[in-house]
Amino acid sequence: MDRINTDPSTLVRDWIGNYVAEHRRTDEDSAAELYLAGYQLQQALGGREHVNKEFAKQLQEHSLTNQKEFTQLILTTYMDLDLTIPSCLSKTYRGYAYSQMFLLGLIGDKPKNLT
C-alpha cells in the first residue's frame, strides 16, 4: 500500500513551493500586462518615434526616485489624451521593476503575443 508522505516538513515544503509558483506566475502576468499597457500608450501617441524622449527620461527618473510622481505623470498623460486608464497601472506602486515594465512597453517593440 502506497502512503502519501504527510510529515510536517514535506507539507511545509510543498506549500511553500506552491505559494512561490503561484506568486511568480502572478508577477509574470502583471509584468506582461504593464508592458502591454506601455505599448498601447506608445501606439496612442503615434508609435515609438512619437514618444517624447524627455517624457521617457522623466518616467525613468521618477521610477527610480518617486513612484508617486511616476504614476501621476502617466495618469495625467492618459487624461490629456482622453484615454481609458488601464487598471494594471495601480501595480506600479509595487516599485521599480513594475514601473520599468511599463516604461519598456512605452519605448519597446510590439509584444510577441500580440497579433
N, C-alpha and C. Protein backbone atom coordinates (compact mmCIF):
# COMPACT_ATOMS: atom_id res chain seq x y z
N MET A 1 0.84 -1.17 0.00
CA MET A 1 0.00 0.00 0.00
C MET A 1 0.89 1.24 0.00
N ASP A 2 0.64 2.14 -0.98
CA ASP A 2 1.39 3.39 -1.04
C ASP A 2 0.83 4.36 -0.02
N ARG A 3 1.74 5.00 0.68
CA ARG A 3 1.31 6.00 1.67
C ARG A 3 1.71 7.38 1.15
N ILE A 4 0.81 8.31 1.30
CA ILE A 4 1.12 9.69 0.95
C ILE A 4 1.98 10.24 2.07
N ASN A 5 3.08 10.86 1.66
CA ASN A 5 4.01 11.41 2.64
C ASN A 5 3.40 12.68 3.23
N THR A 6 3.02 12.60 4.49
CA THR A 6 2.35 13.74 5.13
C THR A 6 3.12 14.25 6.35
N ASP A 7 4.42 13.99 6.37
CA ASP A 7 5.17 14.54 7.50
C ASP A 7 5.18 16.06 7.39
N PRO A 8 5.25 16.76 8.52
CA PRO A 8 5.14 18.23 8.51
C PRO A 8 6.14 18.93 7.59
N SER A 9 7.38 18.49 7.57
CA SER A 9 8.36 19.20 6.74
C SER A 9 8.03 19.07 5.25
N THR A 10 7.53 17.95 4.83
CA THR A 10 7.14 17.77 3.43
C THR A 10 5.94 18.65 3.10
N LEU A 11 4.97 18.69 4.00
CA LEU A 11 3.79 19.52 3.77
C LEU A 11 4.17 21.01 3.68
N VAL A 12 5.07 21.43 4.55
CA VAL A 12 5.50 22.84 4.53
C VAL A 12 6.26 23.13 3.24
N ARG A 13 7.18 22.25 2.85
CA ARG A 13 7.92 22.45 1.60
C ARG A 13 6.97 22.50 0.41
N ASP A 14 6.00 21.63 0.36
CA ASP A 14 5.02 21.63 -0.74
C ASP A 14 4.22 22.93 -0.76
N TRP A 15 3.79 23.37 0.42
CA TRP A 15 3.00 24.59 0.49
C TRP A 15 3.84 25.78 0.02
N ILE A 16 5.07 25.88 0.48
CA ILE A 16 5.95 26.99 0.08
C ILE A 16 6.21 26.94 -1.42
N GLY A 17 6.48 25.76 -1.94
CA GLY A 17 6.70 25.61 -3.38
C GLY A 17 5.50 26.07 -4.19
N ASN A 18 4.31 25.67 -3.76
CA ASN A 18 3.09 26.08 -4.46
C ASN A 18 2.86 27.58 -4.36
N TYR A 19 3.10 28.14 -3.16
CA TYR A 19 2.93 29.57 -2.94
C TYR A 19 3.86 30.38 -3.84
N VAL A 20 5.13 29.99 -3.88
CA VAL A 20 6.11 30.70 -4.70
C VAL A 20 5.74 30.59 -6.18
N ALA A 21 5.36 29.40 -6.62
CA ALA A 21 5.00 29.22 -8.03
C ALA A 21 3.79 30.07 -8.40
N GLU A 22 2.80 30.14 -7.54
CA GLU A 22 1.60 30.94 -7.80
C GLU A 22 1.93 32.42 -7.90
N HIS A 23 2.75 32.92 -6.97
CA HIS A 23 3.08 34.34 -6.99
C HIS A 23 4.04 34.70 -8.10
N ARG A 24 4.91 33.80 -8.48
CA ARG A 24 5.81 34.06 -9.59
C ARG A 24 4.98 34.22 -10.86
N ARG A 25 4.01 33.35 -11.03
CA ARG A 25 3.13 33.42 -12.19
C ARG A 25 2.35 34.75 -12.18
N THR A 26 1.88 35.14 -11.02
CA THR A 26 1.15 36.39 -10.88
C THR A 26 2.04 37.58 -11.24
N ASP A 27 3.28 37.58 -10.76
CA ASP A 27 4.22 38.66 -11.07
C ASP A 27 4.52 38.70 -12.57
N GLU A 28 4.70 37.54 -13.19
CA GLU A 28 4.97 37.50 -14.62
C GLU A 28 3.77 38.02 -15.41
N ASP A 29 2.57 37.66 -14.98
CA ASP A 29 1.36 38.15 -15.63
C ASP A 29 1.25 39.67 -15.49
N SER A 30 1.54 40.18 -14.30
CA SER A 30 1.48 41.62 -14.05
C SER A 30 2.50 42.36 -14.92
N ALA A 31 3.69 41.81 -15.02
CA ALA A 31 4.73 42.43 -15.83
C ALA A 31 4.31 42.48 -17.30
N ALA A 32 3.74 41.39 -17.79
CA ALA A 32 3.28 41.36 -19.19
C ALA A 32 2.15 42.35 -19.41
N GLU A 33 1.26 42.47 -18.45
CA GLU A 33 0.14 43.40 -18.54
C GLU A 33 0.64 44.85 -18.57
N LEU A 34 1.62 45.15 -17.74
CA LEU A 34 2.17 46.51 -17.70
C LEU A 34 2.93 46.83 -18.99
N TYR A 35 3.67 45.87 -19.50
CA TYR A 35 4.38 46.08 -20.77
C TYR A 35 3.37 46.39 -21.87
N LEU A 36 2.30 45.61 -21.92
CA LEU A 36 1.27 45.82 -22.93
C LEU A 36 0.62 47.20 -22.78
N ALA A 37 0.36 47.62 -21.55
CA ALA A 37 -0.22 48.95 -21.32
C ALA A 37 0.73 50.04 -21.82
N GLY A 38 2.01 49.88 -21.56
CA GLY A 38 3.01 50.84 -22.07
C GLY A 38 3.03 50.86 -23.58
N TYR A 39 2.98 49.68 -24.18
CA TYR A 39 2.99 49.60 -25.63
C TYR A 39 1.73 50.23 -26.23
N GLN A 40 0.59 50.01 -25.59
CA GLN A 40 -0.65 50.61 -26.08
C GLN A 40 -0.61 52.13 -25.98
N LEU A 41 0.00 52.66 -24.94
CA LEU A 41 0.17 54.11 -24.85
C LEU A 41 1.10 54.59 -25.96
N GLN A 42 2.15 53.85 -26.21
CA GLN A 42 3.06 54.18 -27.31
C GLN A 42 2.27 54.30 -28.62
N GLN A 43 1.40 53.34 -28.87
CA GLN A 43 0.61 53.36 -30.09
C GLN A 43 -0.36 54.54 -30.11
N ALA A 44 -0.95 54.88 -28.97
CA ALA A 44 -1.86 56.02 -28.87
C ALA A 44 -1.13 57.33 -29.15
N LEU A 45 0.17 57.35 -28.85
CA LEU A 45 0.98 58.54 -29.10
C LEU A 45 1.43 58.61 -30.56
N GLY A 46 1.15 57.57 -31.33
CA GLY A 46 1.51 57.57 -32.75
C GLY A 46 2.67 56.66 -33.09
N GLY A 47 3.11 55.83 -32.16
CA GLY A 47 4.23 54.92 -32.41
C GLY A 47 5.48 55.35 -31.66
N ARG A 48 6.45 54.46 -31.66
CA ARG A 48 7.68 54.69 -30.89
C ARG A 48 8.37 56.00 -31.26
N GLU A 49 8.37 56.33 -32.54
CA GLU A 49 9.05 57.56 -32.96
C GLU A 49 8.37 58.83 -32.45
N HIS A 50 7.14 58.71 -31.94
CA HIS A 50 6.42 59.87 -31.42
C HIS A 50 6.43 59.94 -29.89
N VAL A 51 7.11 59.00 -29.25
CA VAL A 51 7.23 59.06 -27.79
C VAL A 51 8.32 60.08 -27.47
N ASN A 52 7.94 61.13 -26.79
CA ASN A 52 8.86 62.20 -26.44
C ASN A 52 9.98 61.66 -25.55
N LYS A 53 11.22 61.87 -25.96
CA LYS A 53 12.36 61.36 -25.20
C LYS A 53 12.44 61.97 -23.81
N GLU A 54 12.08 63.24 -23.70
CA GLU A 54 12.10 63.89 -22.39
C GLU A 54 11.06 63.27 -21.46
N PHE A 55 9.89 62.94 -22.01
CA PHE A 55 8.85 62.25 -21.25
C PHE A 55 9.36 60.90 -20.74
N ALA A 56 10.00 60.14 -21.61
CA ALA A 56 10.55 58.84 -21.22
C ALA A 56 11.64 58.99 -20.16
N LYS A 57 12.48 60.02 -20.30
CA LYS A 57 13.52 60.27 -19.30
C LYS A 57 12.93 60.64 -17.95
N GLN A 58 11.87 61.46 -17.96
CA GLN A 58 11.20 61.82 -16.71
C GLN A 58 10.62 60.58 -16.04
N LEU A 59 9.98 59.73 -16.82
CA LEU A 59 9.42 58.49 -16.26
C LEU A 59 10.53 57.63 -15.66
N GLN A 60 11.63 57.51 -16.37
CA GLN A 60 12.75 56.71 -15.88
C GLN A 60 13.25 57.25 -14.54
N GLU A 61 13.43 58.56 -14.46
CA GLU A 61 13.91 59.18 -13.22
C GLU A 61 12.91 58.97 -12.08
N HIS A 62 11.64 59.18 -12.36
CA HIS A 62 10.62 59.01 -11.32
C HIS A 62 10.50 57.55 -10.88
N SER A 63 10.71 56.63 -11.81
CA SER A 63 10.62 55.21 -11.42
C SER A 63 11.72 54.85 -10.43
N LEU A 64 12.82 55.56 -10.49
CA LEU A 64 13.94 55.32 -9.57
C LEU A 64 13.78 56.06 -8.24
N THR A 65 13.13 57.23 -8.29
CA THR A 65 13.15 58.09 -7.11
C THR A 65 11.80 58.37 -6.48
N ASN A 66 10.73 58.32 -7.27
CA ASN A 66 9.44 58.75 -6.73
C ASN A 66 8.28 58.09 -7.48
N GLN A 67 7.83 56.96 -6.98
CA GLN A 67 6.74 56.22 -7.63
C GLN A 67 5.47 57.05 -7.76
N LYS A 68 5.21 57.90 -6.80
CA LYS A 68 4.01 58.74 -6.85
C LYS A 68 4.06 59.65 -8.08
N GLU A 69 5.19 60.28 -8.31
CA GLU A 69 5.35 61.16 -9.46
C GLU A 69 5.29 60.36 -10.77
N PHE A 70 5.87 59.17 -10.77
CA PHE A 70 5.82 58.29 -11.94
C PHE A 70 4.36 58.03 -12.32
N THR A 71 3.58 57.60 -11.34
CA THR A 71 2.18 57.27 -11.58
C THR A 71 1.40 58.52 -11.97
N GLN A 72 1.65 59.63 -11.31
CA GLN A 72 0.94 60.87 -11.61
C GLN A 72 1.20 61.32 -13.05
N LEU A 73 2.43 61.23 -13.50
CA LEU A 73 2.78 61.63 -14.86
C LEU A 73 2.06 60.76 -15.89
N ILE A 74 1.99 59.48 -15.62
CA ILE A 74 1.29 58.57 -16.54
C ILE A 74 -0.21 58.86 -16.54
N LEU A 75 -0.79 59.01 -15.35
CA LEU A 75 -2.23 59.28 -15.27
C LEU A 75 -2.59 60.58 -15.99
N THR A 76 -1.77 61.60 -15.81
CA THR A 76 -2.00 62.88 -16.48
C THR A 76 -1.94 62.72 -17.99
N THR A 77 -1.01 61.91 -18.45
CA THR A 77 -0.88 61.66 -19.89
C THR A 77 -2.13 60.97 -20.44
N TYR A 78 -2.61 59.96 -19.74
CA TYR A 78 -3.83 59.28 -20.17
C TYR A 78 -5.01 60.25 -20.20
N MET A 79 -5.13 61.08 -19.19
CA MET A 79 -6.25 62.04 -19.15
C MET A 79 -6.12 63.09 -20.25
N ASP A 80 -4.90 63.58 -20.49
CA ASP A 80 -4.69 64.57 -21.55
C ASP A 80 -5.06 64.01 -22.92
N LEU A 81 -4.82 62.72 -23.11
CA LEU A 81 -5.13 62.07 -24.39
C LEU A 81 -6.56 61.53 -24.43
N ASP A 82 -7.28 61.70 -23.33
CA ASP A 82 -8.65 61.21 -23.21
C ASP A 82 -8.72 59.69 -23.43
N LEU A 83 -7.77 58.98 -22.81
CA LEU A 83 -7.70 57.52 -22.90
C LEU A 83 -8.19 56.90 -21.61
N THR A 84 -8.70 55.69 -21.72
CA THR A 84 -9.08 54.93 -20.54
C THR A 84 -7.82 54.48 -19.82
N ILE A 85 -7.78 54.71 -18.52
CA ILE A 85 -6.60 54.34 -17.73
C ILE A 85 -6.68 52.86 -17.39
N PRO A 86 -5.68 52.07 -17.81
CA PRO A 86 -5.71 50.64 -17.50
C PRO A 86 -5.58 50.39 -16.00
N SER A 87 -6.37 49.47 -15.49
CA SER A 87 -6.33 49.17 -14.06
C SER A 87 -4.98 48.63 -13.61
N CYS A 88 -4.23 48.03 -14.53
CA CYS A 88 -2.94 47.46 -14.15
C CYS A 88 -1.95 48.54 -13.70
N LEU A 89 -2.20 49.80 -14.04
CA LEU A 89 -1.28 50.86 -13.62
C LEU A 89 -1.20 50.98 -12.11
N SER A 90 -2.22 50.51 -11.42
CA SER A 90 -2.17 50.54 -9.96
C SER A 90 -1.05 49.66 -9.43
N LYS A 91 -0.56 48.74 -10.24
CA LYS A 91 0.51 47.83 -9.81
C LYS A 91 1.88 48.50 -9.82
N THR A 92 1.99 49.67 -10.45
CA THR A 92 3.30 50.31 -10.49
C THR A 92 3.76 50.75 -9.10
N TYR A 93 2.83 50.84 -8.15
CA TYR A 93 3.22 51.20 -6.79
C TYR A 93 4.13 50.15 -6.18
N ARG A 94 4.14 48.96 -6.74
CA ARG A 94 4.97 47.88 -6.20
C ARG A 94 6.45 48.15 -6.36
N GLY A 95 6.78 49.12 -7.18
CA GLY A 95 8.18 49.51 -7.24
C GLY A 95 8.78 49.53 -8.63
N TYR A 96 10.06 49.67 -8.61
CA TYR A 96 10.89 49.90 -9.79
C TYR A 96 10.65 48.88 -10.90
N ALA A 97 10.64 47.61 -10.58
CA ALA A 97 10.52 46.58 -11.62
C ALA A 97 9.21 46.71 -12.38
N TYR A 98 8.14 47.01 -11.69
CA TYR A 98 6.85 47.15 -12.34
C TYR A 98 6.81 48.42 -13.19
N SER A 99 7.36 49.49 -12.68
CA SER A 99 7.43 50.73 -13.45
C SER A 99 8.25 50.53 -14.72
N GLN A 100 9.34 49.79 -14.58
CA GLN A 100 10.20 49.55 -15.72
C GLN A 100 9.49 48.76 -16.82
N MET A 101 8.64 47.82 -16.42
CA MET A 101 7.92 47.05 -17.43
C MET A 101 7.00 47.96 -18.24
N PHE A 102 6.34 48.89 -17.58
CA PHE A 102 5.50 49.85 -18.30
C PHE A 102 6.37 50.70 -19.22
N LEU A 103 7.46 51.21 -18.70
CA LEU A 103 8.36 52.06 -19.48
C LEU A 103 8.94 51.31 -20.67
N LEU A 104 9.33 50.05 -20.47
CA LEU A 104 9.85 49.25 -21.58
C LEU A 104 8.81 49.06 -22.67
N GLY A 105 7.55 48.88 -22.26
CA GLY A 105 6.49 48.78 -23.25
C GLY A 105 6.29 50.08 -24.00
N LEU A 106 6.44 51.19 -23.29
CA LEU A 106 6.26 52.50 -23.90
C LEU A 106 7.30 52.76 -24.98
N ILE A 107 8.51 52.31 -24.77
CA ILE A 107 9.58 52.58 -25.74
C ILE A 107 10.02 51.34 -26.51
N GLY A 108 9.39 50.19 -26.22
CA GLY A 108 9.85 48.94 -26.79
C GLY A 108 9.08 48.46 -28.01
N ASP A 109 9.39 47.25 -28.38
CA ASP A 109 8.78 46.60 -29.53
C ASP A 109 7.41 46.04 -29.20
N LYS A 110 6.69 45.73 -30.26
CA LYS A 110 5.38 45.10 -30.12
C LYS A 110 5.54 43.77 -29.41
N PRO A 111 4.70 43.50 -28.41
CA PRO A 111 4.79 42.20 -27.71
C PRO A 111 4.59 41.04 -28.69
N LYS A 112 5.33 39.99 -28.50
CA LYS A 112 5.28 38.83 -29.41
C LYS A 112 3.90 38.19 -29.46
N ASN A 113 3.18 38.19 -28.32
CA ASN A 113 1.89 37.53 -28.29
C ASN A 113 0.75 38.38 -28.81
N LEU A 114 1.06 39.58 -29.30
CA LEU A 114 0.05 40.48 -29.84
C LEU A 114 0.09 40.38 -31.36
N THR A 115 -1.03 40.04 -31.96
CA THR A 115 -1.04 39.87 -33.42
C THR A 115 -1.40 41.12 -34.15
